[in-house]
Amino acid sequence: MKNLSRGQWSLIIIIAILLIDQCVKIAVKTHMYIGECIDVTGWFKIAFIENNGAAFGMEMGSKLFLTIFRIIASGVLGYVLWYICRRPQYTMGFIACVALIEAGAIGNIIDCLFYGIIFDAPNAPAVATLFPDGGGYAPFFYGRVVDMLYFPLFSFYWPDWMPLVGGEYFEFFQPIFNIADSAICVGVAIILLFYYKQLTGNEAKNNQHQPNT
């Protein structure tokens, strides 16, 4: 393992995230019905939803446009990953973060491209079938992204005297997401916190021009 190149390590990271992401999604789709929620703890639940939009269930215009945009963005990111793996001035930590982001992007693209073809979409409480006899629920490019990770850490009602939100229910954290979304967020967060200079190229240039000792 010590002799693996940076590119090989990046590939291992991408494959590992994709395997975990897809195994969890397939397990959820074939064992839970849409809208079902399983309490793991008081602050962590498995809640099965699907969405046509971007990360965390956000809706962003045309489904076809969004899928094509994801593919293009993933291709560009793949080229960036290939480029930085061949440049010794970029650290392995930075490369690993980019690999996480790429893996997350590919994970959600797989849903969009293939899930409409390989799964049906029965009404609750029936669960989906993998490779159903009658075909899938949508054509190529129109599959829905599977989300299931839900962390309602705490909730409360705003006091009635509060302007605009008085008496309304507030819950933190509301979005439901998946492993692919998590990989993207973790990769981006670590880059911004620890590798910002490499992101802008400043640290990489400094490393490149440092004399060998």
C-alpha atoms as a PDB file:
ATOM      1  CA  MET A   1       0.000   0.000   0.000  1.00  0.00           C
ATOM      2  CA  LYS A   2       2.911   2.335   0.667  1.00  0.00           C
ATOM      3  CA  ASN A   3       3.948   2.137  -2.977  1.00  0.00           C
ATOM      4  CA  LEU A   4       0.620   3.396  -4.285  1.00  0.00           C
ATOM      5  CA  SER A   5       0.725   6.633  -6.257  1.00  0.00           C
ATOM      6  CA  ARG A   6      -1.347   9.674  -5.378  1.00  0.00           C
ATOM      7  CA  GLY A   7      -3.580   8.944  -8.337  1.00  0.00           C
ATOM      8  CA  GLN A   8      -4.165   5.403  -7.105  1.00  0.00           C
ATOM      9  CA  TRP A   9      -5.011   6.658  -3.622  1.00  0.00           C
ATOM     10  CA  SER A  10      -7.493   9.087  -5.176  1.00  0.00           C
ATOM     11  CA  LEU A  11      -9.100   6.242  -7.107  1.00  0.00           C
ATOM     12  CA  ILE A  12      -9.369   4.149  -3.927  1.00  0.00           C
ATOM     13  CA  ILE A  13     -11.100   7.038  -2.138  1.00  0.00           C
ATOM     14  CA  ILE A  14     -13.564   7.539  -4.997  1.00  0.00           C
ATOM     15  CA  ILE A  15     -14.388   3.832  -5.310  1.00  0.00           C
ATOM     16  CA  ALA A  16     -14.816   3.424  -1.521  1.00  0.00           C
ATOM     17  CA  ILE A  17     -17.214   6.391  -1.265  1.00  0.00           C
ATOM     18  CA  LEU A  18     -19.202   5.217  -4.292  1.00  0.00           C
ATOM     19  CA  LEU A  19     -19.550   1.690  -2.915  1.00  0.00           C
ATOM     20  CA  ILE A  20     -20.744   2.932   0.478  1.00  0.00           C
ATOM     21  CA  ASP A  21     -23.067   5.513  -1.071  1.00  0.00           C
ATOM     22  CA  GLN A  22     -24.690   3.139  -3.547  1.00  0.00           C
ATOM     23  CA  CYS A  23     -24.990   0.223  -1.103  1.00  0.00           C
ATOM     24  CA  VAL A  24     -26.789   2.465   1.401  1.00  0.00           C
ATOM     25  CA  LYS A  25     -29.085   3.929  -1.262  1.00  0.00           C
ATOM     26  CA  ILE A  26     -30.001   0.538  -2.713  1.00  0.00           C
ATOM     27  CA  ALA A  27     -30.638  -0.877   0.770  1.00  0.00           C
ATOM     28  CA  VAL A  28     -32.906   2.044   1.624  1.00  0.00           C
ATOM     29  CA  LYS A  29     -34.850   1.865  -1.652  1.00  0.00           C
ATOM     30  CA  THR A  30     -35.430  -1.881  -1.407  1.00  0.00           C
ATOM     31  CA  HIS A  31     -36.278  -1.998   2.307  1.00  0.00           C
ATOM     32  CA  MET A  32     -38.106   1.289   3.001  1.00  0.00           C
ATOM     33  CA  TYR A  33     -41.017   3.084   1.401  1.00  0.00           C
ATOM     34  CA  ILE A  34     -41.047   6.771   0.460  1.00  0.00           C
ATOM     35  CA  GLY A  35     -41.622   8.880   3.556  1.00  0.00           C
ATOM     36  CA  GLU A  36     -40.731   6.120   6.022  1.00  0.00           C
ATOM     37  CA  CYS A  37     -38.611   7.251   8.961  1.00  0.00           C
ATOM     38  CA  ILE A  38     -36.657   5.017  11.342  1.00  0.00           C
ATOM     39  CA  ASP A  39     -35.474   6.432  14.670  1.00  0.00           C
ATOM     40  CA  VAL A  40     -31.858   5.470  15.331  1.00  0.00           C
ATOM     41  CA  THR A  41     -31.409   7.925  18.216  1.00  0.00           C
ATOM     42  CA  GLY A  42     -33.272  11.006  19.367  1.00  0.00           C
ATOM     43  CA  TRP A  43     -31.118  13.156  17.086  1.00  0.00           C
ATOM     44  CA  PHE A  44     -30.427  10.772  14.177  1.00  0.00           C
ATOM     45  CA  LYS A  45     -33.013   9.186  11.903  1.00  0.00           C
ATOM     46  CA  ILE A  46     -33.090   7.299   8.620  1.00  0.00           C
ATOM     47  CA  ALA A  47     -35.747   9.128   6.599  1.00  0.00           C
ATOM     48  CA  PHE A  48     -36.279   7.977   3.017  1.00  0.00           C
ATOM     49  CA  ILE A  49     -37.012  10.719   0.517  1.00  0.00           C
ATOM     50  CA  GLU A  50     -36.176  11.317  -3.141  1.00  0.00           C
ATOM     51  CA  ASN A  51     -35.588  14.567  -4.961  1.00  0.00           C
ATOM     52  CA  ASN A  52     -35.103  15.906  -8.468  1.00  0.00           C
ATOM     53  CA  GLY A  53     -32.819  18.707  -7.392  1.00  0.00           C
ATOM     54  CA  ALA A  54     -29.350  19.375  -6.121  1.00  0.00           C
ATOM     55  CA  ALA A  55     -27.811  18.536  -2.745  1.00  0.00           C
ATOM     56  CA  PHE A  56     -30.060  18.461   0.346  1.00  0.00           C
ATOM     57  CA  GLY A  57     -33.215  18.231  -1.765  1.00  0.00           C
ATOM     58  CA  MET A  58     -33.044  21.728  -3.242  1.00  0.00           C
ATOM     59  CA  GLU A  59     -34.918  22.219  -6.516  1.00  0.00           C
ATOM     60  CA  MET A  60     -32.874  23.913  -9.224  1.00  0.00           C
ATOM     61  CA  GLY A  61     -34.607  24.252 -12.568  1.00  0.00           C
ATOM     62  CA  SER A  62     -34.870  21.581 -15.251  1.00  0.00           C
ATOM     63  CA  LYS A  63     -34.053  18.003 -14.263  1.00  0.00           C
ATOM     64  CA  LEU A  64     -32.323  17.345 -17.590  1.00  0.00           C
ATOM     65  CA  PHE A  65     -30.280  20.547 -17.330  1.00  0.00           C
ATOM     66  CA  LEU A  66     -29.226  19.720 -13.778  1.00  0.00           C
ATOM     67  CA  THR A  67     -28.111  16.206 -14.721  1.00  0.00           C
ATOM     68  CA  ILE A  68     -26.102  17.469 -17.695  1.00  0.00           C
ATOM     69  CA  PHE A  69     -24.560  20.192 -15.526  1.00  0.00           C
ATOM     70  CA  ARG A  70     -23.566  17.584 -12.933  1.00  0.00           C
ATOM     71  CA  ILE A  71     -21.882  15.446 -15.594  1.00  0.00           C
ATOM     72  CA  ILE A  72     -19.939  18.408 -17.005  1.00  0.00           C
ATOM     73  CA  ALA A  73     -18.911  19.603 -13.544  1.00  0.00           C
ATOM     74  CA  SER A  74     -17.795  16.095 -12.587  1.00  0.00           C
ATOM     75  CA  GLY A  75     -15.751  15.848 -15.780  1.00  0.00           C
ATOM     76  CA  VAL A  76     -14.030  19.164 -15.092  1.00  0.00           C
ATOM     77  CA  LEU A  77     -13.357  18.141 -11.497  1.00  0.00           C
ATOM     78  CA  GLY A  78     -11.963  14.822 -12.702  1.00  0.00           C
ATOM     79  CA  TYR A  79      -9.510  16.674 -14.928  1.00  0.00           C
ATOM     80  CA  VAL A  80      -8.513  18.928 -12.008  1.00  0.00           C
ATOM     81  CA  LEU A  81      -7.913  15.848  -9.856  1.00  0.00           C
ATOM     82  CA  TRP A  82      -5.772  14.261 -12.570  1.00  0.00           C
ATOM     83  CA  TYR A  83      -3.809  17.504 -12.919  1.00  0.00           C
ATOM     84  CA  ILE A  84      -3.036  18.016  -9.228  1.00  0.00           C
ATOM     85  CA  CYS A  85      -2.108  14.346  -8.755  1.00  0.00           C
ATOM     86  CA  ARG A  86       0.706  14.927 -11.249  1.00  0.00           C
ATOM     87  CA  ARG A  87       1.964  18.058  -9.490  1.00  0.00           C
ATOM     88  CA  PRO A  88       4.122  17.324  -6.398  1.00  0.00           C
ATOM     89  CA  GLN A  89       3.482  20.794  -4.961  1.00  0.00           C
ATOM     90  CA  TYR A  90      -0.069  19.743  -4.053  1.00  0.00           C
ATOM     91  CA  THR A  91      -0.327  17.775  -0.797  1.00  0.00           C
ATOM     92  CA  MET A  92      -2.036  14.411  -0.506  1.00  0.00           C
ATOM     93  CA  GLY A  93      -4.510  15.901   1.971  1.00  0.00           C
ATOM     94  CA  PHE A  94      -5.676  18.427  -0.605  1.00  0.00           C
ATOM     95  CA  ILE A  95      -5.874  15.734  -3.288  1.00  0.00           C
ATOM     96  CA  ALA A  96      -7.929  13.495  -0.975  1.00  0.00           C
ATOM     97  CA  CYS A  97     -10.429  16.317  -0.429  1.00  0.00           C
ATOM     98  CA  VAL A  98     -10.842  16.838  -4.168  1.00  0.00           C
ATOM     99  CA  ALA A  99     -11.314  13.078  -4.551  1.00  0.00           C
ATOM    100  CA  LEU A 100     -14.090  13.193  -1.917  1.00  0.00           C
ATOM    101  CA  ILE A 101     -15.869  15.954  -3.832  1.00  0.00           C
ATOM    102  CA  GLU A 102     -15.536  14.048  -7.109  1.00  0.00           C
ATOM    103  CA  ALA A 103     -16.852  10.853  -5.508  1.00  0.00           C
ATOM    104  CA  GLY A 104     -19.865  12.686  -4.112  1.00  0.00           C
ATOM    105  CA  ALA A 105     -20.644  14.249  -7.471  1.00  0.00           C
ATOM    106  CA  ILE A 106     -20.436  10.886  -9.258  1.00  0.00           C
ATOM    107  CA  GLY A 107     -22.564   9.223  -6.582  1.00  0.00           C
ATOM    108  CA  ASN A 108     -25.526  11.531  -7.213  1.00  0.00           C
ATOM    109  CA  ILE A 109     -25.018  11.372 -10.985  1.00  0.00           C
ATOM    110  CA  ILE A 110     -25.468   7.582 -10.827  1.00  0.00           C
ATOM    111  CA  ASP A 111     -28.887   8.108  -9.228  1.00  0.00           C
ATOM    112  CA  CYS A 112     -29.936  10.580 -11.909  1.00  0.00           C
ATOM    113  CA  LEU A 113     -28.760   8.412 -14.805  1.00  0.00           C
ATOM    114  CA  PHE A 114     -29.768   4.917 -13.768  1.00  0.00           C
ATOM    115  CA  TYR A 115     -32.220   4.785 -10.859  1.00  0.00           C
ATOM    116  CA  GLY A 116     -35.204   5.620 -13.047  1.00  0.00           C
ATOM    117  CA  ILE A 117     -34.325   2.628 -15.238  1.00  0.00           C
ATOM    118  CA  ILE A 118     -33.432  -0.002 -12.628  1.00  0.00           C
ATOM    119  CA  PHE A 119     -36.088   0.748  -9.977  1.00  0.00           C
ATOM    120  CA  ASP A 120     -39.864   0.966 -10.010  1.00  0.00           C
ATOM    121  CA  ALA A 121     -41.760   3.467  -7.858  1.00  0.00           C
ATOM    122  CA  PRO A 122     -44.679   1.795  -6.047  1.00  0.00           C
ATOM    123  CA  ASN A 123     -46.978   3.683  -3.726  1.00  0.00           C
ATOM    124  CA  ALA A 124     -46.330   3.431   0.021  1.00  0.00           C
ATOM    125  CA  PRO A 125     -46.178   1.173   1.946  1.00  0.00           C
ATOM    126  CA  ALA A 126     -44.758  -0.972  -0.872  1.00  0.00           C
ATOM    127  CA  VAL A 127     -40.993  -0.783  -1.392  1.00  0.00           C
ATOM    128  CA  ALA A 128     -39.155  -0.431  -4.704  1.00  0.00           C
ATOM    129  CA  THR A 129     -37.963  -3.443  -6.691  1.00  0.00           C
ATOM    130  CA  LEU A 130     -34.517  -3.589  -8.260  1.00  0.00           C
ATOM    131  CA  PHE A 131     -34.747  -4.492 -11.977  1.00  0.00           C
ATOM    132  CA  PRO A 132     -38.568  -4.822 -12.014  1.00  0.00           C
ATOM    133  CA  ASP A 133     -40.251  -6.847 -14.756  1.00  0.00           C
ATOM    134  CA  GLY A 134     -42.332  -3.889 -15.881  1.00  0.00           C
ATOM    135  CA  GLY A 135     -39.358  -1.562 -16.223  1.00  0.00           C
ATOM    136  CA  GLY A 136     -38.328   1.481 -14.244  1.00  0.00           C
ATOM    137  CA  TYR A 137     -40.189   4.610 -13.251  1.00  0.00           C
ATOM    138  CA  ALA A 138     -38.341   7.079 -15.499  1.00  0.00           C
ATOM    139  CA  PRO A 139     -36.148   7.189 -18.621  1.00  0.00           C
ATOM    140  CA  PHE A 140     -32.370   7.585 -18.707  1.00  0.00           C
ATOM    141  CA  PHE A 141     -31.240  10.942 -17.194  1.00  0.00           C
ATOM    142  CA  TYR A 142     -34.451  11.359 -15.176  1.00  0.00           C
ATOM    143  CA  GLY A 143     -33.822   9.272 -12.068  1.00  0.00           C
ATOM    144  CA  ARG A 144     -34.354  10.757  -8.624  1.00  0.00           C
ATOM    145  CA  VAL A 145     -31.616  11.162  -6.013  1.00  0.00           C
ATOM    146  CA  VAL A 146     -32.069   9.076  -2.856  1.00  0.00           C
ATOM    147  CA  ASP A 147     -31.613  10.822   0.506  1.00  0.00           C
ATOM    148  CA  MET A 148     -31.872   9.273   3.948  1.00  0.00           C
ATOM    149  CA  LEU A 149     -29.613  10.891   6.590  1.00  0.00           C
ATOM    150  CA  TYR A 150     -31.619  13.128   8.918  1.00  0.00           C
ATOM    151  CA  PHE A 151     -30.213  14.867  11.996  1.00  0.00           C
ATOM    152  CA  PRO A 152     -32.916  16.833  13.869  1.00  0.00           C
ATOM    153  CA  LEU A 153     -30.497  17.885  16.613  1.00  0.00           C
ATOM    154  CA  PHE A 154     -32.949  20.117  18.458  1.00  0.00           C
ATOM    155  CA  SER A 155     -36.238  21.939  17.955  1.00  0.00           C
ATOM    156  CA  PHE A 156     -38.415  24.575  19.610  1.00  0.00           C
ATOM    157  CA  TYR A 157     -41.227  27.062  19.029  1.00  0.00           C
ATOM    158  CA  TRP A 158     -40.288  30.704  18.678  1.00  0.00           C
ATOM    159  CA  PRO A 159     -41.842  32.911  21.397  1.00  0.00           C
ATOM    160  CA  ASP A 160     -45.080  34.567  20.298  1.00  0.00           C
ATOM    161  CA  TRP A 161     -43.580  38.031  20.803  1.00  0.00           C
ATOM    162  CA  MET A 162     -40.877  37.433  18.171  1.00  0.00           C
ATOM    163  CA  PRO A 163     -41.539  39.417  14.964  1.00  0.00           C
ATOM    164  CA  LEU A 164     -42.109  37.439  11.743  1.00  0.00           C
ATOM    165  CA  VAL A 165     -41.399  34.002  13.288  1.00  0.00           C
ATOM    166  CA  GLY A 166     -43.382  34.210  16.540  1.00  0.00           C
ATOM    167  CA  GLY A 167     -45.135  30.946  17.381  1.00  0.00           C
ATOM    168  CA  GLU A 168     -43.535  29.059  14.476  1.00  0.00           C
ATOM    169  CA  TYR A 169     -41.801  25.705  14.862  1.00  0.00           C
ATOM    170  CA  PHE A 170     -38.026  25.634  14.304  1.00  0.00           C
ATOM    171  CA  GLU A 171     -35.907  22.537  13.829  1.00  0.00           C
ATOM    172  CA  PHE A 172     -32.151  22.252  13.470  1.00  0.00           C
ATOM    173  CA  PHE A 173     -30.965  20.468  11.292  1.00  0.00           C
ATOM    174  CA  GLN A 174     -33.817  19.998   8.758  1.00  0.00           C
ATOM    175  CA  PRO A 175     -32.155  18.920   5.482  1.00  0.00           C
ATOM    176  CA  ILE A 176     -32.116  15.218   4.608  1.00  0.00           C
ATOM    177  CA  PHE A 177     -29.048  14.146   2.643  1.00  0.00           C
ATOM    178  CA  ASN A 178     -26.960  11.135   1.594  1.00  0.00           C
ATOM    179  CA  ILE A 179     -23.387   9.823   1.745  1.00  0.00           C
ATOM    180  CA  ALA A 180     -22.489  11.529  -1.546  1.00  0.00           C
ATOM    181  CA  ASP A 181     -23.665  14.905  -0.221  1.00  0.00           C
ATOM    182  CA  SER A 182     -21.627  14.294   2.938  1.00  0.00           C
ATOM    183  CA  ALA A 183     -18.468  13.552   0.940  1.00  0.00           C
ATOM    184  CA  ILE A 184     -18.865  16.794  -1.001  1.00  0.00           C
ATOM    185  CA  CYS A 185     -19.472  18.868   2.140  1.00  0.00           C
ATOM    186  CA  VAL A 186     -16.581  17.290   4.063  1.00  0.00           C
ATOM    187  CA  GLY A 187     -14.190  17.774   1.143  1.00  0.00           C
ATOM    188  CA  VAL A 188     -15.185  21.406   0.641  1.00  0.00           C
ATOM    189  CA  ALA A 189     -15.086  22.198   4.378  1.00  0.00           C
ATOM    190  CA  ILE A 190     -11.608  20.729   4.896  1.00  0.00           C
ATOM    191  CA  ILE A 191     -10.252  22.555   1.855  1.00  0.00           C
ATOM    192  CA  LEU A 192     -11.630  25.884   3.079  1.00  0.00           C
ATOM    193  CA  LEU A 193     -10.332  25.317   6.604  1.00  0.00           C
ATOM    194  CA  PHE A 194      -6.899  23.835   5.928  1.00  0.00           C
ATOM    195  CA  TYR A 195      -6.018  24.047   2.235  1.00  0.00           C
ATOM    196  CA  TYR A 196      -7.302  27.453   1.150  1.00  0.00           C
ATOM    197  CA  LYS A 197      -3.861  28.540  -0.051  1.00  0.00           C
ATOM    198  CA  GLN A 198      -3.567  25.463  -2.246  1.00  0.00           C
ATOM    199  CA  LEU A 199      -7.053  26.126  -3.581  1.00  0.00           C
ATOM    200  CA  THR A 200      -5.951  29.568  -4.736  1.00  0.00           C
ATOM    201  CA  GLY A 201      -2.588  28.233  -5.928  1.00  0.00           C
ATOM    202  CA  ASN A 202      -0.485  30.425  -3.650  1.00  0.00           C
ATOM    203  CA  GLU A 203       0.872  27.687  -1.410  1.00  0.00           C
ATOM    204  CA  ALA A 204       1.426  25.370  -4.358  1.00  0.00           C
ATOM    205  CA  LYS A 205       3.537  28.037  -6.077  1.00  0.00           C
ATOM    206  CA  ASN A 206       5.521  28.622  -2.887  1.00  0.00           C
ATOM    207  CA  ASN A 207       6.156  24.892  -2.506  1.00  0.00           C
ATOM    208  CA  GLN A 208       7.224  24.629  -6.120  1.00  0.00           C
ATOM    209  CA  HIS A 209       9.816  27.387  -5.780  1.00  0.00           C
ATOM    210  CA  GLN A 210      11.254  26.363  -2.436  1.00  0.00           C
ATOM    211  CA  PRO A 211      14.869  25.192  -2.745  1.00  0.00           C
ATOM    212  CA  ASN A 212      15.578  21.556  -1.952  1.00  0.00           C
ATOM    213  CA  THR A 213      17.326  20.993   1.359  1.00  0.00           C
END
